[in-house]
C-alpha atoms as a PDB file:
ATOM      1  CA  UNK A   1       0.057  -0.049  -0.193  1.00  0.00           C
ATOM      2  CA  UNK A   2       1.296   3.565  -0.660  1.00  0.00           C
ATOM      3  CA  UNK A   3       1.968   5.888   1.916  1.00  0.00           C
ATOM      4  CA  UNK A   4      -0.510   7.981   3.728  1.00  0.00           C
ATOM      5  CA  UNK A   5      -1.346  11.350   2.130  1.00  0.00           C
ATOM      6  CA  UNK A   6       0.708  14.329   3.340  1.00  0.00           C
ATOM      7  CA  UNK A   7      -1.061  16.803   5.604  1.00  0.00           C
ATOM      8  CA  UNK A   8      -3.857  14.101   6.256  1.00  0.00           C
ATOM      9  CA  UNK A   9      -4.888  12.992   9.464  1.00  0.00           C
ATOM     10  CA  UNK A  10      -2.554   9.821  10.956  1.00  0.00           C
ATOM     11  CA  UNK A  11      -5.095   7.795  11.124  1.00  0.00           C
ATOM     12  CA  UNK A  12      -6.346   7.918   7.396  1.00  0.00           C
ATOM     13  CA  UNK A  13      -6.507   4.942   5.323  1.00  0.00           C
ATOM     14  CA  UNK A  14      -3.021   3.992   3.998  1.00  0.00           C
ATOM     15  CA  UNK A  15      -3.374   4.529   0.172  1.00  0.00           C
ATOM     16  CA  UNK A  16      -6.258   6.984  -0.079  1.00  0.00           C
ATOM     17  CA  UNK A  17      -5.674  10.169  -2.335  1.00  0.00           C
ATOM     18  CA  UNK A  18      -7.762  13.348  -1.794  1.00  0.00           C
ATOM     19  CA  UNK A  19      -8.447  13.335  -5.636  1.00  0.00           C
ATOM     20  CA  UNK A  20     -10.905  10.168  -5.310  1.00  0.00           C
ATOM     21  CA  UNK A  21     -14.423  10.519  -5.084  1.00  0.00           C
ATOM     22  CA  UNK A  22     -16.023  10.291  -1.495  1.00  0.00           C
ATOM     23  CA  UNK A  23     -17.629   7.139  -2.285  1.00  0.00           C
ATOM     24  CA  UNK A  24     -14.613   5.670  -3.213  1.00  0.00           C
ATOM     25  CA  UNK A  25     -12.521   6.803  -0.317  1.00  0.00           C
ATOM     26  CA  UNK A  26     -15.352   5.707   2.124  1.00  0.00           C
ATOM     27  CA  UNK A  27     -15.053   2.135   0.626  1.00  0.00           C
ATOM     28  CA  UNK A  28     -11.254   2.019   0.429  1.00  0.00           C
ATOM     29  CA  UNK A  29     -11.159   2.900   4.029  1.00  0.00           C
ATOM     30  CA  UNK A  30     -13.856   0.215   5.158  1.00  0.00           C
ATOM     31  CA  UNK A  31     -11.896  -2.142   3.357  1.00  0.00           C
ATOM     32  CA  UNK A  32      -8.793  -1.648   5.386  1.00  0.00           C
ATOM     33  CA  UNK A  33     -10.307  -1.068   8.779  1.00  0.00           C
ATOM     34  CA  UNK A  34     -13.073  -4.078   8.380  1.00  0.00           C
ATOM     35  CA  UNK A  35     -10.065  -6.337   7.254  1.00  0.00           C
ATOM     36  CA  UNK A  36      -7.697  -5.380   9.807  1.00  0.00           C
ATOM     37  CA  UNK A  37     -10.518  -4.726  12.766  1.00  0.00           C
ATOM     38  CA  UNK A  38     -13.362  -6.713  12.102  1.00  0.00           C
ATOM     39  CA  UNK A  39     -16.542  -5.548  10.585  1.00  0.00           C
ATOM     40  CA  UNK A  40     -18.215  -5.506  13.807  1.00  0.00           C
ATOM     41  CA  UNK A  41     -16.073  -3.442  16.370  1.00  0.00           C
ATOM     42  CA  UNK A  42     -15.115  -1.070  13.500  1.00  0.00           C
ATOM     43  CA  UNK A  43     -17.840   2.141  14.059  1.00  0.00           C
ATOM     44  CA  UNK A  44     -18.898   4.106  11.003  1.00  0.00           C
ATOM     45  CA  UNK A  45     -17.038   7.343  12.921  1.00  0.00           C
ATOM     46  CA  UNK A  46     -14.031   5.312  12.545  1.00  0.00           C
ATOM     47  CA  UNK A  47     -14.276   4.683   8.591  1.00  0.00           C
ATOM     48  CA  UNK A  48     -15.510   8.300   8.058  1.00  0.00           C
ATOM     49  CA  UNK A  49     -12.506   9.677   9.824  1.00  0.00           C
ATOM     50  CA  UNK A  50     -10.255   7.372   7.795  1.00  0.00           C
ATOM     51  CA  UNK A  51     -11.914   8.173   4.648  1.00  0.00           C
ATOM     52  CA  UNK A  52     -11.041  11.776   5.398  1.00  0.00           C
ATOM     53  CA  UNK A  53     -14.654  12.752   5.235  1.00  0.00           C
ATOM     54  CA  UNK A  54     -17.859  12.813   8.100  1.00  0.00           C
ATOM     55  CA  UNK A  55     -20.655  10.752   8.842  1.00  0.00           C
ATOM     56  CA  UNK A  56     -23.192  12.658   6.881  1.00  0.00           C
ATOM     57  CA  UNK A  57     -20.674  12.327   3.907  1.00  0.00           C
ATOM     58  CA  UNK A  58     -20.849   8.561   4.217  1.00  0.00           C
ATOM     59  CA  UNK A  59     -24.912   7.939   4.713  1.00  0.00           C
ATOM     60  CA  UNK A  60     -25.169   9.913   1.713  1.00  0.00           C
ATOM     61  CA  UNK A  61     -23.365   7.514  -0.288  1.00  0.00           C
ATOM     62  CA  UNK A  62     -24.255   4.232   2.239  1.00  0.00           C
ATOM     63  CA  UNK A  63     -27.838   4.382   3.677  1.00  0.00           C
ATOM     64  CA  UNK A  64     -26.513   2.204   6.363  1.00  0.00           C
ATOM     65  CA  UNK A  65     -23.552   0.328   7.909  1.00  0.00           C
ATOM     66  CA  UNK A  66     -24.893  -2.621   6.473  1.00  0.00           C
ATOM     67  CA  UNK A  67     -25.200  -1.255   2.944  1.00  0.00           C
ATOM     68  CA  UNK A  68     -21.300  -0.708   3.511  1.00  0.00           C
ATOM     69  CA  UNK A  69     -20.599  -3.895   4.232  1.00  0.00           C
ATOM     70  CA  UNK A  70     -22.442  -5.507   1.602  1.00  0.00           C
ATOM     71  CA  UNK A  71     -20.496  -3.055  -1.078  1.00  0.00           C
ATOM     72  CA  UNK A  72     -17.261  -4.456   0.852  1.00  0.00           C
ATOM     73  CA  UNK A  73     -18.028  -8.001   0.468  1.00  0.00           C
ATOM     74  CA  UNK A  74     -19.125  -7.666  -2.885  1.00  0.00           C
ATOM     75  CA  UNK A  75     -15.561  -5.623  -3.977  1.00  0.00           C
ATOM     76  CA  UNK A  76     -13.867  -8.612  -2.713  1.00  0.00           C
ATOM     77  CA  UNK A  77     -15.796 -10.999  -4.357  1.00  0.00           C
ATOM     78  CA  UNK A  78     -15.256  -8.984  -7.645  1.00  0.00           C
ATOM     79  CA  UNK A  79     -11.480  -9.085  -6.747  1.00  0.00           C
ATOM     80  CA  UNK A  80     -11.337 -12.616  -6.564  1.00  0.00           C
ATOM     81  CA  UNK A  81     -13.318 -13.600  -9.598  1.00  0.00           C
ATOM     82  CA  UNK A  82     -11.027 -10.867 -11.397  1.00  0.00           C
ATOM     83  CA  UNK A  83      -8.144 -13.253 -10.335  1.00  0.00           C
ATOM     84  CA  UNK A  84      -9.443 -16.036 -12.433  1.00  0.00           C
ATOM     85  CA  UNK A  85     -10.159 -13.778 -15.399  1.00  0.00           C
ATOM     86  CA  UNK A  86      -6.631 -12.643 -15.419  1.00  0.00           C
ATOM     87  CA  UNK A  87      -5.016 -16.148 -15.399  1.00  0.00           C
ATOM     88  CA  UNK A  88      -7.502 -17.281 -18.204  1.00  0.00           C
ATOM     89  CA  UNK A  89      -6.713 -14.441 -20.184  1.00  0.00           C
ATOM     90  CA  UNK A  90      -3.031 -14.693 -19.711  1.00  0.00           C
ATOM     91  CA  UNK A  91      -3.322 -18.371 -20.633  1.00  0.00           C
ATOM     92  CA  UNK A  92      -6.678 -19.095 -22.694  1.00  0.00           C
ATOM     93  CA  UNK A  93      -5.256 -22.522 -24.516  1.00  0.00           C
ATOM     94  CA  UNK A  94      -3.101 -23.812 -21.915  1.00  0.00           C
ATOM     95  CA  UNK A  95      -4.762 -25.404 -18.744  1.00  0.00           C
ATOM     96  CA  UNK A  96      -1.253 -26.377 -17.360  1.00  0.00           C
ATOM     97  CA  UNK A  97      -0.060 -22.883 -17.266  1.00  0.00           C
ATOM     98  CA  UNK A  98      -3.419 -21.705 -15.716  1.00  0.00           C
ATOM     99  CA  UNK A  99      -2.711 -24.327 -13.018  1.00  0.00           C
ATOM    100  CA  UNK A 100       0.709 -23.204 -12.476  1.00  0.00           C
ATOM    101  CA  UNK A 101      -0.580 -19.326 -12.214  1.00  0.00           C
ATOM    102  CA  UNK A 102      -3.080 -20.218  -9.929  1.00  0.00           C
ATOM    103  CA  UNK A 103      -0.791 -22.156  -7.788  1.00  0.00           C
ATOM    104  CA  UNK A 104       1.589 -19.039  -7.812  1.00  0.00           C
ATOM    105  CA  UNK A 105      -1.401 -17.015  -6.961  1.00  0.00           C
ATOM    106  CA  UNK A 106      -2.000 -19.223  -3.834  1.00  0.00           C
ATOM    107  CA  UNK A 107       1.876 -19.106  -2.525  1.00  0.00           C
ATOM    108  CA  UNK A 108       1.293 -15.398  -2.859  1.00  0.00           C
ATOM    109  CA  UNK A 109      -1.877 -15.183  -0.940  1.00  0.00           C
ATOM    110  CA  UNK A 110      -0.233 -17.259   1.932  1.00  0.00           C
ATOM    111  CA  UNK A 111       2.894 -16.032   2.238  1.00  0.00           C
ATOM    112  CA  UNK A 112       1.420 -12.467   2.338  1.00  0.00           C
ATOM    113  CA  UNK A 113       2.955 -11.104   5.937  1.00  0.00           C
ATOM    114  CA  UNK A 114       0.100  -8.647   6.490  1.00  0.00           C
ATOM    115  CA  UNK A 115      -2.637 -11.209   5.610  1.00  0.00           C
ATOM    116  CA  UNK A 116      -4.683 -12.090   8.380  1.00  0.00           C
ATOM    117  CA  UNK A 117      -6.957 -14.717   6.644  1.00  0.00           C
ATOM    118  CA  UNK A 118      -9.512 -14.745   3.932  1.00  0.00           C
ATOM    119  CA  UNK A 119     -11.213 -11.580   4.248  1.00  0.00           C
ATOM    120  CA  UNK A 120     -14.580 -13.123   3.181  1.00  0.00           C
ATOM    121  CA  UNK A 121     -14.295 -15.736   5.394  1.00  0.00           C
ATOM    122  CA  UNK A 122     -13.682 -13.516   8.461  1.00  0.00           C
ATOM    123  CA  UNK A 123     -17.041 -11.208   7.525  1.00  0.00           C
ATOM    124  CA  UNK A 124     -18.972 -14.487   7.015  1.00  0.00           C
ATOM    125  CA  UNK A 125     -17.884 -15.355  10.512  1.00  0.00           C
ATOM    126  CA  UNK A 126     -19.366 -11.813  12.022  1.00  0.00           C
ATOM    127  CA  UNK A 127     -22.523 -11.756   9.567  1.00  0.00           C
ATOM    128  CA  UNK A 128     -26.004 -12.980  10.659  1.00  0.00           C
ATOM    129  CA  UNK A 129     -27.434 -15.638   8.420  1.00  0.00           C
ATOM    130  CA  UNK A 130     -29.771 -13.175   7.048  1.00  0.00           C
ATOM    131  CA  UNK A 131     -27.532 -10.537   6.117  1.00  0.00           C
ATOM    132  CA  UNK A 132     -27.648 -10.127   2.442  1.00  0.00           C
ATOM    133  CA  UNK A 133     -23.783 -10.107   2.351  1.00  0.00           C
ATOM    134  CA  UNK A 134     -23.756 -14.095   3.187  1.00  0.00           C
ATOM    135  CA  UNK A 135     -25.263 -14.642   0.182  1.00  0.00           C
ATOM    136  CA  UNK A 136     -22.573 -12.659  -1.752  1.00  0.00           C
ATOM    137  CA  UNK A 137     -20.003 -14.655   0.426  1.00  0.00           C
ATOM    138  CA  UNK A 138     -21.557 -18.198  -0.231  1.00  0.00           C
ATOM    139  CA  UNK A 139     -22.133 -17.671  -3.888  1.00  0.00           C
ATOM    140  CA  UNK A 140     -18.513 -16.444  -4.618  1.00  0.00           C
ATOM    141  CA  UNK A 141     -17.153 -19.470  -2.695  1.00  0.00           C
ATOM    142  CA  UNK A 142     -19.066 -21.779  -4.762  1.00  0.00           C
ATOM    143  CA  UNK A 143     -17.767 -19.703  -8.235  1.00  0.00           C
ATOM    144  CA  UNK A 144     -14.683 -20.557  -6.746  1.00  0.00           C
ATOM    145  CA  UNK A 145     -15.123 -24.386  -6.435  1.00  0.00           C
ATOM    146  CA  UNK A 146     -16.559 -24.338  -9.631  1.00  0.00           C
ATOM    147  CA  UNK A 147     -13.381 -22.749 -11.304  1.00  0.00           C
ATOM    148  CA  UNK A 148     -11.494 -25.401  -9.746  1.00  0.00           C
ATOM    149  CA  UNK A 149     -13.597 -27.878 -10.932  1.00  0.00           C
ATOM    150  CA  UNK A 150     -13.476 -26.297 -14.362  1.00  0.00           C
ATOM    151  CA  UNK A 151      -9.600 -26.130 -14.235  1.00  0.00           C
ATOM    152  CA  UNK A 152      -9.317 -29.585 -13.028  1.00  0.00           C
ATOM    153  CA  UNK A 153     -10.958 -30.836 -15.758  1.00  0.00           C
ATOM    154  CA  UNK A 154      -9.125 -28.935 -18.329  1.00  0.00           C
ATOM    155  CA  UNK A 155      -5.916 -30.464 -17.024  1.00  0.00           C
ATOM    156  CA  UNK A 156      -7.421 -34.006 -17.335  1.00  0.00           C
ATOM    157  CA  UNK A 157      -7.697 -34.770 -13.851  1.00  0.00           C
ATOM    158  CA  UNK A 158      -9.757 -37.762 -13.493  1.00  0.00           C
ATOM    159  CA  UNK A 159     -11.991 -36.782 -10.645  1.00  0.00           C
ATOM    160  CA  UNK A 160     -12.208 -33.123 -11.009  1.00  0.00           C
ATOM    161  CA  UNK A 161     -15.118 -32.405  -8.643  1.00  0.00           C
ATOM    162  CA  UNK A 162     -13.193 -34.644  -5.879  1.00  0.00           C
ATOM    163  CA  UNK A 163      -9.955 -33.126  -6.344  1.00  0.00           C
ATOM    164  CA  UNK A 164     -11.512 -29.489  -6.484  1.00  0.00           C
ATOM    165  CA  UNK A 165     -12.869 -30.296  -2.928  1.00  0.00           C
ATOM    166  CA  UNK A 166      -9.902 -31.354  -1.599  1.00  0.00           C
ATOM    167  CA  UNK A 167      -7.770 -28.479  -2.939  1.00  0.00           C
ATOM    168  CA  UNK A 168     -10.417 -26.092  -1.997  1.00  0.00           C
ATOM    169  CA  UNK A 169     -10.507 -26.999   1.428  1.00  0.00           C
ATOM    170  CA  UNK A 170      -6.502 -26.698   1.686  1.00  0.00           C
ATOM    171  CA  UNK A 171      -6.308 -23.386   0.751  1.00  0.00           C
ATOM    172  CA  UNK A 172      -9.647 -22.440   2.498  1.00  0.00           C
ATOM    173  CA  UNK A 173      -8.169 -24.131   5.780  1.00  0.00           C
ATOM    174  CA  UNK A 174      -4.897 -22.621   5.275  1.00  0.00           C
ATOM    175  CA  UNK A 175      -6.165 -19.168   5.119  1.00  0.00           C
ATOM    176  CA  UNK A 176      -8.225 -19.942   8.455  1.00  0.00           C
ATOM    177  CA  UNK A 177      -5.535 -20.792   9.819  1.00  0.00           C
ATOM    178  CA  UNK A 178      -3.421 -17.578   9.441  1.00  0.00           C
ATOM    179  CA  UNK A 179      -6.329 -15.735  10.925  1.00  0.00           C
ATOM    180  CA  UNK A 180      -5.407 -18.077  14.344  1.00  0.00           C
ATOM    181  CA  UNK A 181      -2.170 -17.280  14.200  1.00  0.00           C
ATOM    182  CA  UNK A 182      -0.661 -20.342  12.277  1.00  0.00           C
ATOM    183  CA  UNK A 183       1.845 -18.466   9.590  1.00  0.00           C
ATOM    184  CA  UNK A 184       3.748 -22.459   9.637  1.00  0.00           C
ATOM    185  CA  UNK A 185       1.392 -24.469   8.628  1.00  0.00           C
ATOM    186  CA  UNK A 186       0.362 -22.092   5.504  1.00  0.00           C
ATOM    187  CA  UNK A 187       3.943 -21.819   4.785  1.00  0.00           C
ATOM    188  CA  UNK A 188       3.895 -25.422   3.904  1.00  0.00           C
ATOM    189  CA  UNK A 189       0.677 -25.494   1.831  1.00  0.00           C
ATOM    190  CA  UNK A 190       1.744 -25.079  -1.424  1.00  0.00           C
ATOM    191  CA  UNK A 191       4.245 -27.898  -1.075  1.00  0.00           C
ATOM    192  CA  UNK A 192       1.308 -30.062   0.002  1.00  0.00           C
ATOM    193  CA  UNK A 193      -0.944 -28.666  -2.981  1.00  0.00           C
ATOM    194  CA  UNK A 194       1.673 -29.721  -5.265  1.00  0.00           C
ATOM    195  CA  UNK A 195       1.824 -33.235  -3.593  1.00  0.00           C
ATOM    196  CA  UNK A 196      -1.792 -33.851  -3.878  1.00  0.00           C
ATOM    197  CA  UNK A 197      -1.942 -32.447  -7.736  1.00  0.00           C
ATOM    198  CA  UNK A 198       1.237 -34.634  -8.637  1.00  0.00           C
ATOM    199  CA  UNK A 199      -0.617 -37.890  -7.339  1.00  0.00           C
ATOM    200  CA  UNK A 200      -3.805 -37.425  -8.511  1.00  0.00           C
ATOM    201  CA  UNK A 201      -5.110 -39.755 -11.315  1.00  0.00           C
ATOM    202  CA  UNK A 202      -5.520 -38.221 -14.890  1.00  0.00           C
ATOM    203  CA  UNK A 203      -7.161 -39.701 -17.702  1.00  0.00           C
ATOM    204  CA  UNK A 204      -5.480 -41.567 -19.974  1.00  0.00           C
ATOM    205  CA  UNK A 205      -4.304 -40.064 -23.178  1.00  0.00           C
ATOM    206  CA  UNK A 206      -5.395 -41.805 -26.398  1.00  0.00           C
END
């Protein structure tokens, strides 16, 4: 993240620009604070202050904290979908390269020293079952598994659905473990992932 703006409040969210639209500043500040401090503990006042604005402006763009939370999880889901889109665009006709690119992405995510787990999983824990954000999170996680199934099918693994479940749970579990302070187990996940994929049976080529 880039440095805080000169002459801005010391508790402004990192990376904000005074030239950003107020709505963008508010959402950026919320993303930073929700991930770092949790959704429920972070107040609207703290978000407004970090966004270099005030509560009146915040409520002009988001009618409630719940609406801001919904925008937060939607943005996270969009960013997650973007990972798959970039991988596919970079290697449209080579599933092996797509698989390699995704494993590199997993490594980058798990080795990020600033990470405190999956932001969507963290959010899901804090949101009640009827919150609209939960549906966004659940739909995204389902799409993520579907992406894995398709990738493994394209690579010609024999049981792409079962393999996707194994890999999905391995990655998701590692991110939950990071949230609980488990950096060491997470550092071994890519090696474990490569081992799982190297021994998974593939369809015979004719």
